[in-house]
Amino acid sequence: MPESADNAFYVTTPIYYVNDAPHIGHAYTTVVTDFVARWHRQRQEDVWFLTGTDEHGEKVLRTAEANGVDARAWADRLVETAWRPVLETIDASNDDFIRTTEQRHVDRVQEFMQSLHEAGEIFEGTYEGAYCVACEEYKQPADLVEGTGEFAGQQLCAIHGRPVEMLAEKNYFFRMSAYTDRLLAHYAENPDFVQPESARNEVVSFVKQGLQDLSISRSTFDWGVTVPWDESHVIYVWIDALLNYATAVGYGTDNDRFNRIWPADIHFVGKDILRFHAVIWPAMLMAAGIPLPKKVFAHGWLLVGGEKMSKSKLTGIAPAEIIDTFGSDAFRYYFLRAIAFGQDGSFSWEDIAARYQAELANGLGNLASRVSAMVGKYFDGVLPAPGESTEAEDVLAGVAQQAVADADAAVDRVAPHEALNAVWTLVDAVNGYITEQQPWAVAKDETQRERLATILYAAAESVRVLAVLLNPAMPKACVKIWESLGAEPSLGPLARQPLGDAGRWGQLVPGATVTKGEALFPRLDAS
């Protein structure tokens, strides 16, 4: 498929299992995906951001049965009471939300599988092996660990720490073994296809061992998409789930739309589902003759108390528990900046509280408040025209331009933590500039009126740059900053500000009405 300038930037979260309500581990993935989507929108690109829920499979079925309801009723309830609402809670800007139980998806999955079957890519066989219901995956011996304590003598899934089940089924298989060499060639020709480097190395090492044919149907339960040529089988949940990325953007129904949006630019996934996305998914697409996504980026686990986030281990924290205290902007900022994306990261209440106070309340929030308050006090709330710049203003303008360039490059590396670090060089620089220039002292000398105007204009202009750069991370606070600066009447809405032009100095129009609004990051109640 030829690429054109009007192709959309397409970014996805994994679609999440509905066996339980979302915790901050899920929100972390979604916030990063949302940040990247918003960043590209701030570049004035055409963006499509997809998320959704994976509702079939044995894990969901067993959870529903344990709760005394059928699987469809369980999925409907979780989606409407938990999964959709959390997107509003964290200010996600997704363009679509797909459920794998929707007919628009089910029909296309069946058509896709039928085409592979007719092409000879699927055959009938028998499989026996160790199966982890939590992973919805047959496990190889290397993926198992010996149980201890209550699980002594049993083989456990290394990811979930639960006993695997030995299953023997007559199934349909996808000839995945035939794609070993093609996948290795693709990894070699496209070194950025799997990121970060540690994830790429893991995938390449795994595929080099030789791929086995993949069981792609189950006949021991019926909660899934029916195999079109054999209604006694349902399609393996991961085959069903992976296809969401294509079915949601017009595969099989709207070729023009599909060609405009596909292939995906980035699939964001947790490292525990890397192989599905970096091995099985591209092999499926190769078999169907569909272009492969450009990048699969696997992030680390979010740890609480040194353990992976888990509802069953009572380490699952609902996003609202944090947002009710700190607000959605601080929630988003914390997870974007505090964790080196791609690595495991730890959450603690103490760390988010410390960063909130130091970096947001005392850093960004106090800066925006001081600038608007001084314009109000010394110029009656009217942004003054600057006089001649000195070296101090030139240096500040240079920091702003560098922050834009460095942050933009970091996002292209999928390093949101480095992007925010780059932006914070400007936060620190302008706070330092105000301290050094002492506008409150300059204001006492009427002959220095022009110098005072220059200082406050430069400070306000720096805050303008920050509003544009931080809008993808903290949209609520940045809209308030934009309003405080009185920027919209002359520059237009914040979302329309081209990110690449943000560092061009001198965009604020003198005469704008600057107002001191409510605190962006109110001080926390010490109790």
Protein backbone atom coordinates (compact mmCIF):
# COMPACT_ATOMS: atom_id res chain seq x y z
CA MET A 1 0.00 0.00 0.00
CA PRO A 2 1.60 3.33 -0.99
CA GLU A 3 1.86 5.90 1.74
CA SER A 4 0.62 9.41 1.15
CA ALA A 5 0.84 12.68 3.02
CA ASP A 6 -2.78 12.38 4.09
CA ASN A 7 -2.38 8.98 5.76
CA ALA A 8 -3.49 9.06 9.37
CA PHE A 9 -1.20 8.50 12.33
CA TYR A 10 -2.77 5.37 13.84
CA VAL A 11 -2.01 4.39 17.42
CA THR A 12 -3.59 1.71 19.61
CA THR A 13 -3.72 0.40 23.13
CA PRO A 14 -4.12 -3.33 23.55
CA ILE A 15 -7.77 -4.21 23.94
CA TYR A 16 -8.26 -5.11 27.55
CA TYR A 17 -9.76 -8.26 29.07
CA VAL A 18 -13.08 -7.69 30.81
CA ASN A 19 -12.47 -10.25 33.52
CA ASP A 20 -12.23 -7.37 36.03
CA ALA A 21 -12.38 -3.59 36.37
CA PRO A 22 -9.40 -1.53 35.16
CA HIS A 23 -6.55 -0.66 37.51
CA ILE A 24 -3.75 1.88 37.11
CA GLY A 25 -1.66 -0.60 35.13
CA HIS A 26 -4.27 -0.45 32.36
CA ALA A 27 -4.59 3.32 32.76
CA TYR A 28 -0.82 3.69 32.44
CA THR A 29 -0.85 2.11 28.97
CA THR A 30 -3.84 4.18 27.91
CA VAL A 31 -2.37 7.46 29.21
CA VAL A 32 0.87 6.93 27.28
CA THR A 33 -1.08 6.06 24.12
CA ASP A 34 -3.27 9.10 24.62
CA PHE A 35 -0.25 11.35 25.16
CA VAL A 36 1.32 10.18 21.90
CA ALA A 37 -1.99 10.60 20.05
CA ARG A 38 -2.44 14.13 21.45
CA TRP A 39 1.17 15.01 20.63
CA HIS A 40 0.66 14.09 17.00
CA ARG A 41 -2.61 16.02 16.94
CA GLN A 42 -0.72 19.02 18.34
CA ARG A 43 1.56 18.63 15.33
CA GLN A 44 -1.66 19.17 13.35
CA GLU A 45 -1.57 15.62 11.97
CA ASP A 46 -4.58 13.45 11.18
CA VAL A 47 -4.68 10.99 14.10
CA TRP A 48 -6.72 7.87 14.84
CA PHE A 49 -6.53 6.50 18.39
CA LEU A 50 -8.18 3.15 19.15
CA THR A 51 -8.84 1.33 22.39
CA GLY A 52 -11.40 -1.25 23.44
CA THR A 53 -12.19 -4.51 25.19
CA ASP A 54 -11.43 -8.17 24.55
CA GLU A 55 -14.53 -10.04 25.65
CA HIS A 56 -14.27 -13.64 24.45
CA GLY A 57 -12.29 -16.60 25.76
CA GLU A 58 -12.24 -19.00 28.64
CA LYS A 59 -10.94 -16.52 31.21
CA VAL A 60 -13.90 -14.19 30.74
CA LEU A 61 -16.32 -17.13 30.66
CA ARG A 62 -15.05 -18.53 33.95
CA THR A 63 -15.12 -15.12 35.61
CA ALA A 64 -18.72 -14.59 34.53
CA GLU A 65 -19.75 -18.03 35.74
CA ALA A 66 -18.06 -17.42 39.09
CA ASN A 67 -20.19 -14.28 39.39
CA GLY A 68 -23.38 -16.08 38.49
CA VAL A 69 -24.08 -14.41 35.14
CA ASP A 70 -23.61 -15.33 31.51
CA ALA A 71 -20.53 -14.06 29.70
CA ARG A 72 -22.33 -11.48 27.56
CA ALA A 73 -24.10 -9.93 30.55
CA TRP A 74 -20.80 -9.80 32.45
CA ALA A 75 -19.01 -8.11 29.56
CA ASP A 76 -21.81 -5.59 29.02
CA ARG A 77 -21.80 -4.64 32.69
CA LEU A 78 -18.01 -4.27 32.97
CA VAL A 79 -17.74 -2.23 29.79
CA GLU A 80 -20.49 0.22 30.70
CA THR A 81 -19.73 0.59 34.42
CA ALA A 82 -15.92 0.38 34.39
CA TRP A 83 -14.04 0.37 31.10
CA ARG A 84 -15.78 3.20 29.26
CA PRO A 85 -16.01 5.43 32.36
CA VAL A 86 -12.30 5.11 33.15
CA LEU A 87 -11.49 6.71 29.80
CA GLU A 88 -13.33 9.83 30.92
CA THR A 89 -11.65 9.67 34.32
CA ILE A 90 -8.17 9.81 32.79
CA ASP A 91 -9.15 12.23 29.98
CA ALA A 92 -8.48 9.79 27.15
CA SER A 93 -9.14 11.22 23.67
CA ASN A 94 -9.73 7.94 21.83
CA ASP A 95 -11.48 8.18 18.46
CA ASP A 96 -13.06 4.74 18.72
CA PHE A 97 -13.78 2.04 21.28
CA ILE A 98 -14.14 -1.45 19.89
CA ARG A 99 -15.66 -4.46 21.62
CA THR A 100 -14.83 -7.87 20.19
CA THR A 101 -18.47 -8.89 20.68
CA GLU A 102 -19.64 -6.23 18.21
CA GLN A 103 -20.98 -7.54 14.92
CA ARG A 104 -18.71 -5.20 12.93
CA HIS A 105 -15.79 -7.16 14.40
CA VAL A 106 -17.23 -10.69 14.52
CA ASP A 107 -18.20 -10.74 10.83
CA ARG A 108 -14.77 -9.56 9.70
CA VAL A 109 -12.97 -12.10 11.92
CA GLN A 110 -14.94 -14.90 10.31
CA GLU A 111 -14.22 -13.57 6.83
CA PHE A 112 -10.50 -13.28 7.62
CA MET A 113 -10.32 -16.86 8.92
CA GLN A 114 -12.36 -18.20 6.02
CA SER A 115 -9.92 -16.60 3.57
CA LEU A 116 -6.92 -18.18 5.34
CA HIS A 117 -8.69 -21.54 5.36
CA GLU A 118 -9.41 -21.36 1.65
CA ALA A 119 -5.79 -20.38 1.01
CA GLY A 120 -4.56 -23.56 2.74
CA GLU A 121 -3.07 -21.69 5.71
CA ILE A 122 -5.25 -23.60 8.21
CA PHE A 123 -5.42 -27.35 8.78
CA GLU A 124 -6.99 -29.76 11.25
CA GLY A 125 -4.93 -31.52 13.91
CA THR A 126 -4.66 -32.52 17.57
CA TYR A 127 -2.85 -30.62 20.27
CA GLU A 128 -1.88 -31.59 23.78
CA GLY A 129 -0.06 -29.25 26.11
CA ALA A 130 0.04 -27.05 29.17
CA TYR A 131 -2.49 -24.22 28.99
CA CYS A 132 -2.65 -21.05 31.12
CA VAL A 133 -6.22 -19.78 31.25
CA ALA A 134 -5.09 -16.36 32.56
CA CYS A 135 -2.79 -15.90 29.54
CA GLU A 136 -5.18 -17.73 27.18
CA GLU A 137 -2.08 -19.45 25.81
CA TYR A 138 -0.46 -22.87 25.49
CA LYS A 139 2.86 -22.78 27.28
CA GLN A 140 6.22 -24.23 26.28
CA PRO A 141 8.30 -25.99 28.96
CA ALA A 142 10.62 -22.98 29.16
CA ASP A 143 7.64 -20.79 30.09
CA LEU A 144 6.82 -22.85 33.21
CA VAL A 145 8.21 -22.83 36.75
CA GLU A 146 8.03 -25.41 39.54
CA GLY A 147 5.37 -24.67 42.14
CA THR A 148 6.12 -24.33 45.83
CA GLY A 149 3.98 -24.19 48.96
CA GLU A 150 0.33 -24.88 48.12
CA PHE A 151 1.35 -25.46 44.48
CA ALA A 152 4.21 -27.85 45.26
CA GLY A 153 4.59 -30.51 42.59
CA GLN A 154 2.67 -28.52 39.99
CA GLN A 155 3.83 -26.58 36.93
CA LEU A 156 3.03 -22.87 37.11
CA CYS A 157 2.76 -20.13 34.51
CA ALA A 158 5.82 -17.94 35.04
CA ILE A 159 3.75 -14.77 34.50
CA HIS A 160 0.70 -15.47 36.68
CA GLY A 161 2.15 -17.93 39.20
CA ARG A 162 -0.85 -20.23 38.82
CA PRO A 163 -0.99 -23.92 37.86
CA VAL A 164 -1.39 -24.63 34.16
CA GLU A 165 -3.95 -27.13 32.88
CA MET A 166 -3.09 -30.03 30.62
CA LEU A 167 -5.38 -29.92 27.60
CA ALA A 168 -5.78 -32.27 24.65
CA GLU A 169 -8.01 -31.07 21.85
CA LYS A 170 -8.75 -31.68 18.21
CA ASN A 171 -8.25 -28.21 16.81
CA TYR A 172 -7.60 -26.20 13.71
CA PHE A 173 -4.07 -24.91 13.26
CA PHE A 174 -2.49 -21.95 11.50
CA ARG A 175 0.70 -22.84 9.59
CA MET A 176 2.76 -20.37 11.56
CA SER A 177 5.91 -22.47 11.25
CA ALA A 178 6.04 -21.44 7.59
CA TYR A 179 6.63 -17.83 8.61
CA THR A 180 9.77 -18.26 10.73
CA ASP A 181 12.18 -17.06 8.05
CA ARG A 182 9.89 -14.30 6.76
CA LEU A 183 9.49 -12.90 10.28
CA LEU A 184 13.23 -12.97 10.93
CA ALA A 185 13.82 -11.18 7.64
CA HIS A 186 11.26 -8.55 8.58
CA TYR A 187 12.89 -7.96 11.97
CA ALA A 188 16.27 -7.60 10.27
CA GLU A 189 15.00 -5.20 7.60
CA ASN A 190 12.94 -3.19 10.08
CA PRO A 191 14.97 -2.93 13.30
CA ASP A 192 12.43 -0.54 14.86
CA PHE A 193 9.51 -2.92 14.32
CA VAL A 194 9.77 -4.26 17.89
CA GLN A 195 10.83 -1.85 20.61
CA PRO A 196 12.51 -1.30 22.99
CA GLU A 197 15.74 -3.11 22.11
CA SER A 198 15.32 -5.63 24.94
CA ALA A 199 11.91 -6.60 23.57
CA ARG A 200 13.27 -6.91 20.04
CA ASN A 201 16.07 -9.18 21.23
CA GLU A 202 13.58 -11.38 23.08
CA VAL A 203 11.35 -11.75 20.03
CA VAL A 204 14.20 -12.46 17.61
CA SER A 205 15.66 -15.06 19.97
CA PHE A 206 12.27 -16.73 20.36
CA VAL A 207 11.58 -16.92 16.61
CA LYS A 208 15.10 -18.15 15.84
CA GLN A 209 14.30 -21.29 17.82
CA GLY A 210 11.72 -22.11 15.13
CA LEU A 211 7.99 -21.51 15.30
CA GLN A 212 5.39 -24.19 15.85
CA ASP A 213 2.05 -24.25 14.10
CA LEU A 214 -0.55 -22.41 16.18
CA SER A 215 -3.78 -23.91 17.50
CA ILE A 216 -6.41 -21.36 16.46
CA SER A 217 -9.65 -22.93 17.67
CA ARG A 218 -11.23 -24.38 20.81
CA SER A 219 -14.08 -26.86 21.09
CA THR A 220 -14.45 -27.28 24.87
CA PHE A 221 -16.49 -24.07 25.31
CA ASP A 222 -18.55 -21.82 23.06
CA TRP A 223 -17.86 -18.24 24.24
CA GLY A 224 -16.14 -16.91 21.17
CA VAL A 225 -16.43 -16.25 17.45
CA THR A 226 -17.65 -19.39 15.69
CA VAL A 227 -15.29 -20.96 13.14
CA PRO A 228 -17.19 -20.30 9.90
CA TRP A 229 -16.63 -23.75 8.37
CA ASP A 230 -17.12 -25.72 11.62
CA GLU A 231 -19.65 -24.41 14.15
CA SER A 232 -18.47 -26.86 16.81
CA HIS A 233 -15.34 -24.72 17.26
CA VAL A 234 -14.75 -21.13 18.32
CA ILE A 235 -11.76 -19.10 17.17
CA TYR A 236 -8.86 -18.84 19.61
CA VAL A 237 -9.37 -15.64 21.55
CA TRP A 238 -6.01 -14.10 20.62
CA ILE A 239 -6.65 -14.53 16.88
CA ASP A 240 -10.02 -12.86 17.41
CA ALA A 241 -8.56 -10.09 19.59
CA LEU A 242 -5.59 -9.15 17.42
CA LEU A 243 -7.82 -8.57 14.42
CA ASN A 244 -9.53 -5.68 16.22
CA TYR A 245 -6.79 -3.34 15.05
CA ALA A 246 -7.82 -3.95 11.45
CA THR A 247 -11.57 -4.49 11.79
CA ALA A 248 -12.02 -1.20 13.68
CA VAL A 249 -10.65 0.88 10.79
CA GLY A 250 -12.58 -0.59 7.91
CA TYR A 251 -10.95 -3.92 7.03
CA GLY A 252 -13.36 -5.78 4.77
CA THR A 253 -15.98 -3.02 4.79
CA ASP A 254 -14.42 0.30 3.77
CA ASN A 255 -11.29 -0.03 1.68
CA ASP A 256 -10.72 3.70 1.29
CA ARG A 257 -10.84 4.24 5.03
CA PHE A 258 -8.69 1.19 5.71
CA ASN A 259 -6.07 2.31 3.20
CA ARG A 260 -5.98 5.78 4.73
CA ILE A 261 -5.53 4.61 8.33
CA TRP A 262 -3.74 1.25 8.06
CA PRO A 263 -1.05 0.20 8.83
CA ALA A 264 -0.90 1.08 12.51
CA ASP A 265 2.01 3.35 13.37
CA ILE A 266 2.35 2.04 16.93
CA HIS A 267 0.73 -0.79 18.85
CA PHE A 268 1.36 -0.18 22.57
CA VAL A 269 1.36 -3.40 24.61
CA GLY A 270 2.51 -4.71 27.96
CA LYS A 271 5.58 -6.91 27.77
CA ASP A 272 3.58 -9.99 28.84
CA ILE A 273 1.64 -9.91 25.54
CA LEU A 274 4.59 -9.03 23.32
CA ARG A 275 4.85 -12.34 21.47
CA PHE A 276 1.20 -12.25 20.42
CA HIS A 277 1.72 -8.84 18.81
CA ALA A 278 5.25 -9.24 17.47
CA VAL A 279 5.07 -12.86 16.27
CA ILE A 280 1.53 -14.17 15.81
CA TRP A 281 -0.02 -10.92 14.56
CA PRO A 282 2.52 -10.18 11.80
CA ALA A 283 2.46 -13.83 10.71
CA MET A 284 -1.34 -13.63 10.37
CA LEU A 285 -1.06 -10.45 8.33
CA MET A 286 1.65 -11.95 6.12
CA ALA A 287 -0.61 -14.92 5.43
CA ALA A 288 -3.45 -12.59 4.43
CA GLY A 289 -1.27 -10.29 2.34
CA ILE A 290 -1.98 -7.26 4.56
CA PRO A 291 0.76 -4.69 5.35
CA LEU A 292 2.31 -5.07 8.80
CA PRO A 293 2.10 -2.42 11.52
CA LYS A 294 5.13 -0.14 11.69
CA LYS A 295 5.97 -0.64 15.35
CA VAL A 296 5.08 -2.75 18.37
CA PHE A 297 6.26 -1.10 21.57
CA ALA A 298 6.25 -3.19 24.75
CA HIS A 299 6.37 -1.31 28.03
CA GLY A 300 7.31 -2.74 31.39
CA TRP A 301 5.12 -3.69 34.29
CA LEU A 302 3.77 -1.22 36.78
CA LEU A 303 4.81 -2.45 40.22
CA VAL A 304 3.25 -1.77 43.60
CA GLY A 305 5.22 -2.94 46.59
CA GLY A 306 7.64 -4.67 44.21
CA GLU A 307 4.91 -6.80 42.59
CA LYS A 308 3.14 -6.54 39.24
CA MET A 309 -0.23 -4.80 39.48
CA SER A 310 -2.84 -7.47 40.17
CA LYS A 311 -6.42 -7.54 41.43
CA SER A 312 -6.00 -11.09 42.72
CA LYS A 313 -3.02 -10.05 44.86
CA LEU A 314 -4.87 -6.93 46.06
CA THR A 315 -2.25 -4.65 44.50
CA GLY A 316 -4.71 -3.32 41.92
CA ILE A 317 -5.43 0.37 42.45
CA ALA A 318 -8.34 2.01 40.62
CA PRO A 319 -7.36 5.22 38.79
CA ALA A 320 -10.09 7.15 40.59
CA GLU A 321 -8.43 6.42 43.94
CA ILE A 322 -5.48 8.57 42.82
CA ILE A 323 -7.36 11.09 40.67
CA ASP A 324 -9.80 11.93 43.48
CA THR A 325 -6.80 13.25 45.43
CA PHE A 326 -4.44 14.63 42.80
CA GLY A 327 -6.63 15.28 39.74
CA SER A 328 -6.39 13.75 36.28
CA ASP A 329 -3.64 16.07 35.03
CA ALA A 330 -1.31 15.14 37.90
CA PHE A 331 -2.16 11.45 37.41
CA ARG A 332 -1.24 11.66 33.75
CA TYR A 333 1.89 13.72 34.39
CA TYR A 334 3.15 11.36 37.07
CA PHE A 335 2.94 8.20 35.00
CA LEU A 336 4.37 9.90 31.93
CA ARG A 337 7.38 11.40 33.70
CA ALA A 338 8.17 9.21 36.70
CA ILE A 339 8.60 5.94 34.78
CA ALA A 340 11.18 5.34 32.06
CA PHE A 341 8.87 4.03 29.36
CA GLY A 342 9.78 0.52 28.26
CA GLN A 343 11.09 -0.48 31.69
CA ASP A 344 9.32 -1.70 34.81
CA GLY A 345 8.28 1.16 37.06
CA SER A 346 7.08 1.46 40.64
CA PHE A 347 4.16 3.45 41.93
CA SER A 348 4.01 4.84 45.45
CA TRP A 349 1.72 7.37 47.08
CA GLU A 350 4.74 9.10 48.60
CA ASP A 351 6.40 9.62 45.22
CA ILE A 352 3.34 11.04 43.48
CA ALA A 353 2.68 13.36 46.43
CA ALA A 354 6.27 14.61 46.38
CA ARG A 355 6.27 15.20 42.62
CA TYR A 356 2.87 16.88 42.77
CA GLN A 357 4.11 19.36 45.33
CA ALA A 358 7.57 20.04 43.94
CA GLU A 359 7.07 19.85 40.18
CA LEU A 360 3.44 20.81 39.66
CA ALA A 361 2.25 22.96 42.57
CA ASN A 362 5.56 24.73 43.30
CA GLY A 363 6.96 24.42 39.77
CA LEU A 364 4.53 24.85 36.89
CA GLY A 365 1.48 25.97 38.87
CA ASN A 366 3.31 28.62 40.86
CA LEU A 367 5.03 29.88 37.71
CA ALA A 368 1.77 30.41 35.80
CA SER A 369 0.20 32.04 38.86
CA ARG A 370 3.16 34.40 39.48
CA VAL A 371 3.29 35.59 35.88
CA SER A 372 -0.43 36.35 35.62
CA ALA A 373 -0.45 37.96 39.08
CA MET A 374 2.45 40.30 38.20
CA VAL A 375 0.88 41.32 34.90
CA GLY A 376 -2.26 42.05 36.87
CA LYS A 377 -0.45 44.01 39.56
CA TYR A 378 1.94 46.06 37.43
CA PHE A 379 0.02 46.42 34.13
CA ASP A 380 -3.62 46.12 35.22
CA GLY A 381 -3.95 42.69 33.60
CA VAL A 382 -2.91 43.87 30.12
CA LEU A 383 0.04 42.06 28.53
CA PRO A 384 2.67 44.77 27.94
CA ALA A 385 4.67 45.24 24.75
CA PRO A 386 8.29 44.20 25.33
CA GLY A 387 11.22 46.56 24.93
CA GLU A 388 14.65 45.61 23.65
CA SER A 389 15.75 42.08 24.56
CA THR A 390 18.87 41.46 26.60
CA GLU A 391 21.03 38.37 26.73
CA ALA A 392 18.75 37.00 29.46
CA GLU A 393 15.71 37.00 27.14
CA ASP A 394 17.75 35.57 24.27
CA VAL A 395 18.91 32.72 26.48
CA LEU A 396 15.33 32.04 27.61
CA ALA A 397 14.10 32.02 24.01
CA GLY A 398 16.89 29.57 23.16
CA VAL A 399 15.89 27.25 26.00
CA ALA A 400 12.30 27.32 24.72
CA GLN A 401 13.32 26.42 21.18
CA GLN A 402 15.59 23.63 22.41
CA ALA A 403 12.86 22.26 24.68
CA VAL A 404 10.48 22.01 21.71
CA ALA A 405 13.06 20.22 19.56
CA ASP A 406 14.20 17.85 22.30
CA ALA A 407 10.68 16.96 23.43
CA ASP A 408 9.54 16.34 19.86
CA ALA A 409 12.49 14.05 19.20
CA ALA A 410 11.82 12.16 22.45
CA VAL A 411 8.23 11.47 21.43
CA ASP A 412 9.47 10.08 18.12
CA ARG A 413 11.68 7.75 20.21
CA VAL A 414 8.59 6.82 22.24
CA ALA A 415 10.19 8.22 25.38
CA PRO A 416 7.49 10.35 27.05
CA HIS A 417 9.55 10.61 30.24
CA GLU A 418 12.39 12.21 28.26
CA ALA A 419 9.93 14.51 26.49
CA LEU A 420 8.67 15.88 29.81
CA ASN A 421 12.21 16.15 31.14
CA ALA A 422 12.98 18.33 28.12
CA VAL A 423 9.92 20.51 28.73
CA TRP A 424 10.89 20.93 32.36
CA THR A 425 14.16 22.57 31.34
CA LEU A 426 11.98 25.51 30.31
CA VAL A 427 9.94 25.41 33.54
CA ASP A 428 13.18 25.60 35.51
CA ALA A 429 14.71 28.22 33.21
CA VAL A 430 11.82 30.66 33.41
CA ASN A 431 11.51 30.24 37.18
CA GLY A 432 15.23 30.99 37.39
CA TYR A 433 14.83 33.93 35.00
CA ILE A 434 12.16 35.53 37.18
CA THR A 435 14.27 35.03 40.31
CA GLU A 436 17.30 36.63 38.65
CA GLN A 437 15.46 39.52 36.98
CA GLN A 438 13.45 40.37 40.11
CA PRO A 439 10.52 42.15 38.41
CA TRP A 440 9.14 43.13 41.82
CA ALA A 441 12.31 45.16 42.43
CA VAL A 442 12.39 46.60 38.90
CA ALA A 443 8.77 47.73 39.37
CA LYS A 444 9.86 50.13 42.12
CA ASP A 445 11.79 52.23 39.59
CA GLU A 446 9.48 54.15 37.24
CA THR A 447 12.36 54.71 34.82
CA GLN A 448 12.58 50.90 34.36
CA ARG A 449 9.01 50.56 33.11
CA GLU A 450 10.06 49.26 29.71
CA ARG A 451 12.43 46.76 31.30
CA LEU A 452 9.63 45.49 33.54
CA ALA A 453 7.43 45.05 30.48
CA THR A 454 10.17 43.06 28.73
CA ILE A 455 10.64 40.75 31.70
CA LEU A 456 6.94 40.00 32.13
CA TYR A 457 6.38 39.58 28.40
CA ALA A 458 9.26 37.08 28.22
CA ALA A 459 7.89 35.19 31.21
CA ALA A 460 4.40 35.08 29.69
CA GLU A 461 5.79 33.99 26.33
CA SER A 462 7.60 31.13 28.07
CA VAL A 463 4.34 30.08 29.70
CA ARG A 464 2.71 30.11 26.24
CA VAL A 465 5.32 27.66 24.97
CA LEU A 466 4.75 25.47 28.03
CA ALA A 467 0.98 25.42 27.45
CA VAL A 468 1.48 24.08 23.92
CA LEU A 469 4.13 21.53 24.90
CA LEU A 470 2.27 20.24 27.94
CA ASN A 471 -1.20 20.14 26.41
CA PRO A 472 -0.81 16.47 25.37
CA ALA A 473 0.14 15.56 28.95
CA MET A 474 -2.12 17.83 31.02
CA PRO A 475 -4.97 19.06 28.83
CA LYS A 476 -7.16 20.52 31.57
CA ALA A 477 -4.41 22.61 33.18
CA CYS A 478 -3.06 23.80 29.84
CA VAL A 479 -6.44 25.06 28.62
CA LYS A 480 -6.65 27.06 31.87
CA ILE A 481 -3.16 28.48 31.22
CA TRP A 482 -4.17 29.42 27.67
CA GLU A 483 -7.27 31.17 28.97
CA SER A 484 -5.23 32.95 31.66
CA LEU A 485 -2.85 34.30 29.02
CA GLY A 486 -5.75 35.64 26.96
CA ALA A 487 -4.15 33.93 23.96
CA GLU A 488 -7.15 32.54 22.13
CA PRO A 489 -8.63 35.75 20.64
CA SER A 490 -5.42 36.45 18.71
CA LEU A 491 -3.77 33.02 18.35
CA GLY A 492 -6.77 30.71 18.24
CA PRO A 493 -7.59 27.61 20.32
CA LEU A 494 -4.75 25.82 22.10
CA ALA A 495 -5.34 22.61 20.14
CA ARG A 496 -4.72 24.50 16.88
CA GLN A 497 -1.23 25.67 17.84
CA PRO A 498 1.31 23.78 15.67
CA LEU A 499 3.76 22.08 17.96
CA GLY A 500 6.68 22.59 15.60
CA ASP A 501 6.08 26.34 15.72
CA ALA A 502 5.70 26.55 19.49
CA GLY A 503 9.29 27.70 20.06
CA ARG A 504 9.05 30.66 17.70
CA TRP A 505 9.52 33.57 20.09
CA GLY A 506 7.18 36.55 20.28
CA GLN A 507 3.77 35.07 19.41
CA LEU A 508 1.75 36.53 22.28
CA VAL A 509 0.08 39.77 21.21
CA PRO A 510 0.60 42.75 23.52
CA GLY A 511 -2.69 44.12 24.80
CA ALA A 512 -4.14 40.69 25.55
CA THR A 513 -6.09 40.43 28.79
CA VAL A 514 -4.20 38.31 31.31
CA THR A 515 -6.16 36.95 34.25
CA LYS A 516 -5.18 35.05 37.38
CA GLY A 517 -7.44 32.02 37.56
CA GLU A 518 -7.82 29.36 40.20
CA ALA A 519 -4.78 27.40 41.30
CA LEU A 520 -3.82 24.80 38.69
CA PHE A 521 -2.55 22.39 41.33
CA PRO A 522 -4.09 23.22 44.73
CA ARG A 523 -2.06 22.41 47.79
CA LEU A 524 -2.92 19.03 49.21
CA ASP A 525 -4.76 18.67 52.48
CA ALA A 526 -2.07 17.55 54.89
CA SER A 527 -4.60 15.52 56.85
